[in-house]
Amino acid sequence: MKSSKQRRTELKARRAERRARATPHRPSRETGRLVPVNEEALARYSSYGAPDFVMRGYYVDRPFKCAGCGADEVWTGTQQKWWYEVARGYVYSGAKLCRACRRRERDRRAEVRRVHLEGLARRKRGR
């Protein structure tokens, strides 16, 4: 009979093996090489497991479909490194919008904020 700790270790090893088989190992398109993970630079996350890129030790290009326009895009290893390590984004998040849709959404929010602040200023002057 195995202890709980032994069983957990076996399960972790099996999951890591399954992830390694399922994930295509493609180097980043921009650099032509693997982009290494700096685990100390990641934002804290409370989970029983580690994200697949931490287990692997490097980032790989991840294809995704833009939620805004439906275009097929690729989230490169270099972009992932910036998001997770510099911007300290949540490690279980991923890209949803292409660059053009992100810019459009950012501009839309800025305009909404400007209109809101104008309305507050107008209301303040009216009193």
N, C-alpha and C. Protein backbone atom coordinates (compact mmCIF):
# COMPACT_ATOMS: atom_id res chain seq x y z
N MET A 1 0.84 -1.17 0.00
CA MET A 1 0.00 0.00 0.00
C MET A 1 0.89 1.25 0.00
N LYS A 2 0.50 2.24 -0.79
CA LYS A 2 1.29 3.45 -0.93
C LYS A 2 0.73 4.55 -0.04
N SER A 3 1.61 5.43 0.39
CA SER A 3 1.17 6.58 1.18
C SER A 3 0.57 7.63 0.25
N SER A 4 -0.13 8.57 0.85
CA SER A 4 -0.73 9.65 0.05
C SER A 4 0.34 10.44 -0.68
N LYS A 5 1.46 10.67 0.00
CA LYS A 5 2.55 11.44 -0.60
C LYS A 5 3.11 10.72 -1.82
N GLN A 6 3.30 9.40 -1.74
CA GLN A 6 3.80 8.63 -2.88
C GLN A 6 2.80 8.68 -4.03
N ARG A 7 1.53 8.55 -3.72
CA ARG A 7 0.50 8.58 -4.75
C ARG A 7 0.47 9.95 -5.45
N ARG A 8 0.56 11.04 -4.67
CA ARG A 8 0.58 12.38 -5.26
C ARG A 8 1.76 12.56 -6.18
N THR A 9 2.92 12.07 -5.77
CA THR A 9 4.12 12.17 -6.60
C THR A 9 3.93 11.44 -7.92
N GLU A 10 3.35 10.25 -7.86
CA GLU A 10 3.07 9.49 -9.09
C GLU A 10 2.11 10.25 -9.99
N LEU A 11 1.05 10.82 -9.41
CA LEU A 11 0.07 11.55 -10.20
C LEU A 11 0.69 12.78 -10.87
N LYS A 12 1.54 13.51 -10.12
CA LYS A 12 2.21 14.67 -10.70
C LYS A 12 3.09 14.27 -11.87
N ALA A 13 3.83 13.19 -11.72
CA ALA A 13 4.71 12.72 -12.79
C ALA A 13 3.88 12.32 -14.02
N ARG A 14 2.77 11.65 -13.81
CA ARG A 14 1.92 11.22 -14.91
C ARG A 14 1.32 12.43 -15.64
N ARG A 15 0.89 13.45 -14.86
CA ARG A 15 0.33 14.66 -15.48
C ARG A 15 1.38 15.39 -16.30
N ALA A 16 2.59 15.49 -15.75
CA ALA A 16 3.67 16.17 -16.48
C ALA A 16 3.98 15.44 -17.78
N GLU A 17 3.98 14.12 -17.74
CA GLU A 17 4.24 13.33 -18.95
C GLU A 17 3.13 13.54 -19.97
N ARG A 18 1.89 13.58 -19.52
CA ARG A 18 0.75 13.78 -20.41
C ARG A 18 0.81 15.17 -21.05
N ARG A 19 1.16 16.19 -20.25
CA ARG A 19 1.29 17.54 -20.77
C ARG A 19 2.39 17.63 -21.81
N ALA A 20 3.49 16.96 -21.54
CA ALA A 20 4.62 17.00 -22.47
C ALA A 20 4.24 16.38 -23.81
N ARG A 21 3.44 15.34 -23.78
CA ARG A 21 3.01 14.70 -25.04
C ARG A 21 2.00 15.56 -25.77
N ALA A 22 1.11 16.24 -25.05
CA ALA A 22 0.03 17.01 -25.67
C ALA A 22 0.48 18.35 -26.23
N THR A 23 1.50 18.93 -25.64
CA THR A 23 1.93 20.27 -26.04
C THR A 23 2.93 20.21 -27.19
N PRO A 24 2.63 20.90 -28.29
CA PRO A 24 3.61 20.93 -29.37
C PRO A 24 4.82 21.77 -28.96
N HIS A 25 6.01 21.25 -29.14
CA HIS A 25 7.22 21.98 -28.75
C HIS A 25 7.71 22.77 -29.95
N ARG A 26 7.24 23.99 -30.06
CA ARG A 26 7.67 24.86 -31.14
C ARG A 26 8.43 26.03 -30.55
N PRO A 27 9.58 26.33 -31.05
CA PRO A 27 10.29 27.51 -30.56
C PRO A 27 9.55 28.77 -30.96
N SER A 28 9.83 29.85 -30.25
CA SER A 28 9.20 31.13 -30.54
C SER A 28 9.55 31.58 -31.96
N ARG A 29 8.56 32.10 -32.67
CA ARG A 29 8.77 32.55 -34.04
C ARG A 29 9.71 33.75 -34.11
N GLU A 30 9.56 34.65 -33.15
CA GLU A 30 10.33 35.89 -33.18
C GLU A 30 11.83 35.65 -32.99
N THR A 31 12.18 34.80 -32.05
CA THR A 31 13.59 34.61 -31.73
C THR A 31 14.17 33.37 -32.36
N GLY A 32 13.34 32.42 -32.75
CA GLY A 32 13.83 31.18 -33.33
C GLY A 32 14.44 30.25 -32.29
N ARG A 33 14.21 30.55 -31.02
CA ARG A 33 14.75 29.72 -29.95
C ARG A 33 13.71 29.61 -28.84
N LEU A 34 13.99 28.73 -27.90
CA LEU A 34 13.08 28.58 -26.77
C LEU A 34 13.27 29.75 -25.81
N VAL A 35 12.17 30.22 -25.26
CA VAL A 35 12.21 31.35 -24.33
C VAL A 35 12.11 30.77 -22.91
N PRO A 36 13.17 30.85 -22.11
CA PRO A 36 13.17 30.22 -20.79
C PRO A 36 12.25 30.93 -19.79
N VAL A 37 11.76 30.17 -18.81
CA VAL A 37 10.89 30.70 -17.76
C VAL A 37 11.74 31.08 -16.55
N ASN A 38 11.50 32.26 -16.00
CA ASN A 38 12.12 32.68 -14.75
C ASN A 38 11.03 32.57 -13.68
N GLU A 39 11.01 31.48 -12.96
CA GLU A 39 9.91 31.21 -12.03
C GLU A 39 9.82 32.23 -10.90
N GLU A 40 10.95 32.82 -10.50
CA GLU A 40 10.94 33.81 -9.42
C GLU A 40 10.24 35.10 -9.84
N ALA A 41 10.19 35.39 -11.13
CA ALA A 41 9.58 36.63 -11.61
C ALA A 41 8.07 36.52 -11.78
N LEU A 42 7.51 35.33 -11.66
CA LEU A 42 6.07 35.13 -11.84
C LEU A 42 5.29 35.68 -10.64
N ALA A 43 4.06 36.13 -10.89
CA ALA A 43 3.19 36.55 -9.81
C ALA A 43 2.82 35.33 -8.98
N ARG A 44 2.57 35.55 -7.70
CA ARG A 44 2.21 34.43 -6.83
C ARG A 44 0.89 33.81 -7.30
N TYR A 45 0.81 32.50 -7.23
CA TYR A 45 -0.43 31.81 -7.54
C TYR A 45 -0.60 30.70 -6.54
N SER A 46 -1.81 30.53 -6.06
CA SER A 46 -2.07 29.48 -5.07
C SER A 46 -2.80 28.36 -5.78
N SER A 47 -2.05 27.35 -6.13
CA SER A 47 -2.61 26.21 -6.83
C SER A 47 -1.83 24.98 -6.41
N TYR A 48 -2.42 23.83 -6.54
CA TYR A 48 -1.73 22.60 -6.18
C TYR A 48 -0.72 22.19 -7.25
N GLY A 49 -0.89 22.68 -8.44
CA GLY A 49 0.02 22.33 -9.52
C GLY A 49 0.66 23.58 -10.09
N ALA A 50 1.57 23.36 -10.99
CA ALA A 50 2.23 24.48 -11.67
C ALA A 50 1.71 24.55 -13.10
N PRO A 51 1.71 25.75 -13.70
CA PRO A 51 1.28 25.88 -15.10
C PRO A 51 2.19 25.06 -16.01
N ASP A 52 1.69 24.71 -17.18
CA ASP A 52 2.45 23.85 -18.08
C ASP A 52 3.79 24.45 -18.50
N PHE A 53 3.86 25.78 -18.67
CA PHE A 53 5.13 26.37 -19.10
C PHE A 53 6.18 26.31 -18.00
N VAL A 54 5.75 26.30 -16.74
CA VAL A 54 6.71 26.16 -15.63
C VAL A 54 7.23 24.73 -15.59
N MET A 55 6.34 23.78 -15.78
CA MET A 55 6.76 22.37 -15.77
C MET A 55 7.74 22.10 -16.92
N ARG A 56 7.48 22.72 -18.06
CA ARG A 56 8.32 22.53 -19.24
C ARG A 56 9.65 23.25 -19.10
N GLY A 57 9.60 24.47 -18.52
CA GLY A 57 10.80 25.26 -18.34
C GLY A 57 10.99 26.32 -19.42
N TYR A 58 10.10 26.37 -20.39
CA TYR A 58 10.20 27.38 -21.44
C TYR A 58 8.81 27.64 -22.02
N TYR A 59 8.68 28.78 -22.69
CA TYR A 59 7.41 29.15 -23.33
C TYR A 59 7.40 28.65 -24.76
N VAL A 60 6.23 28.27 -25.24
CA VAL A 60 6.06 27.89 -26.65
C VAL A 60 4.98 28.78 -27.26
N ASP A 61 5.03 28.95 -28.56
CA ASP A 61 4.00 29.72 -29.26
C ASP A 61 2.66 29.02 -29.09
N ARG A 62 1.62 29.79 -28.75
CA ARG A 62 0.29 29.21 -28.55
C ARG A 62 -0.70 29.86 -29.50
N PRO A 63 -1.29 29.09 -30.40
CA PRO A 63 -2.30 29.66 -31.30
C PRO A 63 -3.61 29.91 -30.54
N PHE A 64 -4.34 30.95 -30.96
CA PHE A 64 -5.65 31.24 -30.38
C PHE A 64 -6.49 31.97 -31.41
N LYS A 65 -7.79 31.98 -31.19
CA LYS A 65 -8.72 32.70 -32.07
C LYS A 65 -9.16 33.95 -31.33
N CYS A 66 -9.03 35.10 -31.99
CA CYS A 66 -9.39 36.38 -31.39
C CYS A 66 -10.89 36.40 -31.07
N ALA A 67 -11.22 36.78 -29.84
CA ALA A 67 -12.62 36.83 -29.42
C ALA A 67 -13.34 38.02 -30.04
N GLY A 68 -12.60 39.03 -30.51
CA GLY A 68 -13.22 40.22 -31.09
C GLY A 68 -13.56 40.06 -32.56
N CYS A 69 -12.56 39.65 -33.35
CA CYS A 69 -12.77 39.60 -34.80
C CYS A 69 -12.73 38.18 -35.36
N GLY A 70 -12.33 37.20 -34.57
CA GLY A 70 -12.32 35.82 -35.02
C GLY A 70 -11.09 35.42 -35.82
N ALA A 71 -10.09 36.29 -35.88
CA ALA A 71 -8.87 35.98 -36.64
C ALA A 71 -8.02 34.96 -35.88
N ASP A 72 -7.33 34.10 -36.62
CA ASP A 72 -6.40 33.16 -36.01
C ASP A 72 -5.09 33.88 -35.74
N GLU A 73 -4.64 33.85 -34.51
CA GLU A 73 -3.44 34.55 -34.08
C GLU A 73 -2.52 33.59 -33.35
N VAL A 74 -1.29 34.03 -33.09
CA VAL A 74 -0.32 33.24 -32.33
C VAL A 74 0.21 34.11 -31.21
N TRP A 75 0.15 33.59 -29.98
CA TRP A 75 0.72 34.27 -28.82
C TRP A 75 2.13 33.73 -28.66
N THR A 76 3.11 34.53 -29.00
CA THR A 76 4.49 34.05 -29.05
C THR A 76 5.07 33.86 -27.65
N GLY A 77 6.14 33.10 -27.58
CA GLY A 77 6.82 32.86 -26.32
C GLY A 77 7.34 34.14 -25.70
N THR A 78 7.83 35.06 -26.52
CA THR A 78 8.34 36.33 -26.03
C THR A 78 7.20 37.17 -25.42
N GLN A 79 6.04 37.17 -26.07
CA GLN A 79 4.89 37.91 -25.53
C GLN A 79 4.42 37.29 -24.22
N GLN A 80 4.44 35.96 -24.15
CA GLN A 80 4.05 35.29 -22.92
C GLN A 80 5.01 35.63 -21.79
N LYS A 81 6.30 35.64 -22.07
CA LYS A 81 7.30 35.97 -21.05
C LYS A 81 7.04 37.37 -20.51
N TRP A 82 6.76 38.33 -21.40
CA TRP A 82 6.46 39.69 -20.95
C TRP A 82 5.22 39.70 -20.07
N TRP A 83 4.16 39.03 -20.50
CA TRP A 83 2.89 39.05 -19.77
C TRP A 83 3.04 38.43 -18.38
N TYR A 84 3.64 37.26 -18.30
CA TYR A 84 3.72 36.56 -17.02
C TYR A 84 4.80 37.11 -16.10
N GLU A 85 5.94 37.54 -16.63
CA GLU A 85 7.07 37.91 -15.79
C GLU A 85 7.24 39.41 -15.59
N VAL A 86 6.97 40.22 -16.60
CA VAL A 86 7.13 41.66 -16.47
C VAL A 86 5.83 42.30 -15.99
N ALA A 87 4.72 42.04 -16.68
CA ALA A 87 3.43 42.60 -16.29
C ALA A 87 2.84 41.83 -15.11
N ARG A 88 3.40 40.68 -14.79
CA ARG A 88 2.98 39.83 -13.68
C ARG A 88 1.49 39.46 -13.78
N GLY A 89 1.09 39.04 -15.00
CA GLY A 89 -0.28 38.59 -15.23
C GLY A 89 -0.52 37.24 -14.57
N TYR A 90 -1.78 36.91 -14.38
CA TYR A 90 -2.17 35.65 -13.75
C TYR A 90 -1.66 34.49 -14.60
N VAL A 91 -1.02 33.51 -13.97
CA VAL A 91 -0.34 32.45 -14.72
C VAL A 91 -1.29 31.50 -15.43
N TYR A 92 -2.55 31.48 -15.08
CA TYR A 92 -3.49 30.60 -15.77
C TYR A 92 -4.34 31.37 -16.78
N SER A 93 -3.94 32.62 -17.11
CA SER A 93 -4.66 33.38 -18.12
C SER A 93 -3.97 33.22 -19.47
N GLY A 94 -4.66 33.59 -20.52
CA GLY A 94 -4.10 33.49 -21.86
C GLY A 94 -4.59 34.63 -22.73
N ALA A 95 -4.07 34.72 -23.93
CA ALA A 95 -4.46 35.78 -24.86
C ALA A 95 -5.87 35.52 -25.38
N LYS A 96 -6.66 36.59 -25.51
CA LYS A 96 -8.01 36.48 -26.05
C LYS A 96 -8.21 37.37 -27.27
N LEU A 97 -7.53 38.53 -27.30
CA LEU A 97 -7.73 39.50 -28.37
C LEU A 97 -6.45 39.71 -29.16
N CYS A 98 -6.61 39.95 -30.45
CA CYS A 98 -5.45 40.27 -31.28
C CYS A 98 -5.02 41.71 -30.98
N ARG A 99 -3.90 42.10 -31.51
CA ARG A 99 -3.34 43.43 -31.22
C ARG A 99 -4.30 44.55 -31.64
N ALA A 100 -4.91 44.42 -32.83
CA ALA A 100 -5.82 45.47 -33.32
C ALA A 100 -7.06 45.58 -32.43
N CYS A 101 -7.61 44.46 -32.00
CA CYS A 101 -8.80 44.50 -31.14
C CYS A 101 -8.46 45.03 -29.75
N ARG A 102 -7.26 44.72 -29.23
CA ARG A 102 -6.84 45.27 -27.94
C ARG A 102 -6.74 46.79 -28.04
N ARG A 103 -6.15 47.29 -29.11
CA ARG A 103 -6.01 48.73 -29.30
C ARG A 103 -7.38 49.38 -29.42
N ARG A 104 -8.29 48.76 -30.17
CA ARG A 104 -9.64 49.29 -30.33
C ARG A 104 -10.37 49.35 -28.98
N GLU A 105 -10.23 48.31 -28.17
CA GLU A 105 -10.88 48.26 -26.86
C GLU A 105 -10.28 49.31 -25.92
N ARG A 106 -8.97 49.49 -25.96
CA ARG A 106 -8.29 50.48 -25.14
C ARG A 106 -8.78 51.89 -25.50
N ASP A 107 -8.90 52.18 -26.80
CA ASP A 107 -9.39 53.48 -27.27
C ASP A 107 -10.85 53.70 -26.86
N ARG A 108 -11.65 52.65 -26.96
CA ARG A 108 -13.06 52.76 -26.58
C ARG A 108 -13.19 53.10 -25.10
N ARG A 109 -12.42 52.42 -24.25
CA ARG A 109 -12.48 52.70 -22.81
C ARG A 109 -12.00 54.11 -22.49
N ALA A 110 -10.97 54.57 -23.18
CA ALA A 110 -10.48 55.93 -22.96
C ALA A 110 -11.55 56.96 -23.31
N GLU A 111 -12.27 56.72 -24.41
CA GLU A 111 -13.33 57.64 -24.83
C GLU A 111 -14.48 57.63 -23.82
N VAL A 112 -14.86 56.46 -23.34
CA VAL A 112 -15.94 56.37 -22.34
C VAL A 112 -15.54 57.13 -21.07
N ARG A 113 -14.29 56.96 -20.65
CA ARG A 113 -13.80 57.66 -19.46
C ARG A 113 -13.81 59.18 -19.68
N ARG A 114 -13.38 59.64 -20.86
CA ARG A 114 -13.35 61.06 -21.16
C ARG A 114 -14.75 61.66 -21.10
N VAL A 115 -15.72 60.97 -21.72
CA VAL A 115 -17.11 61.45 -21.72
C VAL A 115 -17.64 61.49 -20.29
N HIS A 116 -17.34 60.49 -19.50
CA HIS A 116 -17.80 60.43 -18.11
C HIS A 116 -17.25 61.61 -17.31
N LEU A 117 -15.95 61.85 -17.44
CA LEU A 117 -15.33 62.95 -16.70
C LEU A 117 -15.85 64.30 -17.17
N GLU A 118 -16.13 64.45 -18.45
CA GLU A 118 -16.74 65.68 -18.96
C GLU A 118 -18.10 65.91 -18.32
N GLY A 119 -18.88 64.85 -18.24
CA GLY A 119 -20.20 64.95 -17.62
C GLY A 119 -20.12 65.35 -16.16
N LEU A 120 -19.16 64.79 -15.43
CA LEU A 120 -18.98 65.16 -14.02
C LEU A 120 -18.59 66.62 -13.89
N ALA A 121 -17.69 67.09 -14.77
CA ALA A 121 -17.26 68.48 -14.73
C ALA A 121 -18.43 69.42 -15.05
N ARG A 122 -19.24 69.06 -16.04
CA ARG A 122 -20.40 69.87 -16.42
C ARG A 122 -21.40 69.94 -15.26
N ARG A 123 -21.61 68.82 -14.60
CA ARG A 123 -22.54 68.76 -13.48
C ARG A 123 -22.03 69.63 -12.32
N LYS A 124 -20.72 69.59 -12.09
CA LYS A 124 -20.12 70.37 -11.01
C LYS A 124 -20.26 71.88 -11.28
N ARG A 125 -20.07 72.28 -12.55
CA ARG A 125 -20.22 73.69 -12.93
C ARG A 125 -21.65 74.15 -12.79
N GLY A 126 -22.60 73.25 -13.02
CA GLY A 126 -24.02 73.60 -12.97
C GLY A 126 -24.54 73.86 -11.57
N ARG A 127 -23.86 73.40 -10.56
CA ARG A 127 -24.34 73.60 -9.18
C ARG A 127 -24.08 74.95 -8.66
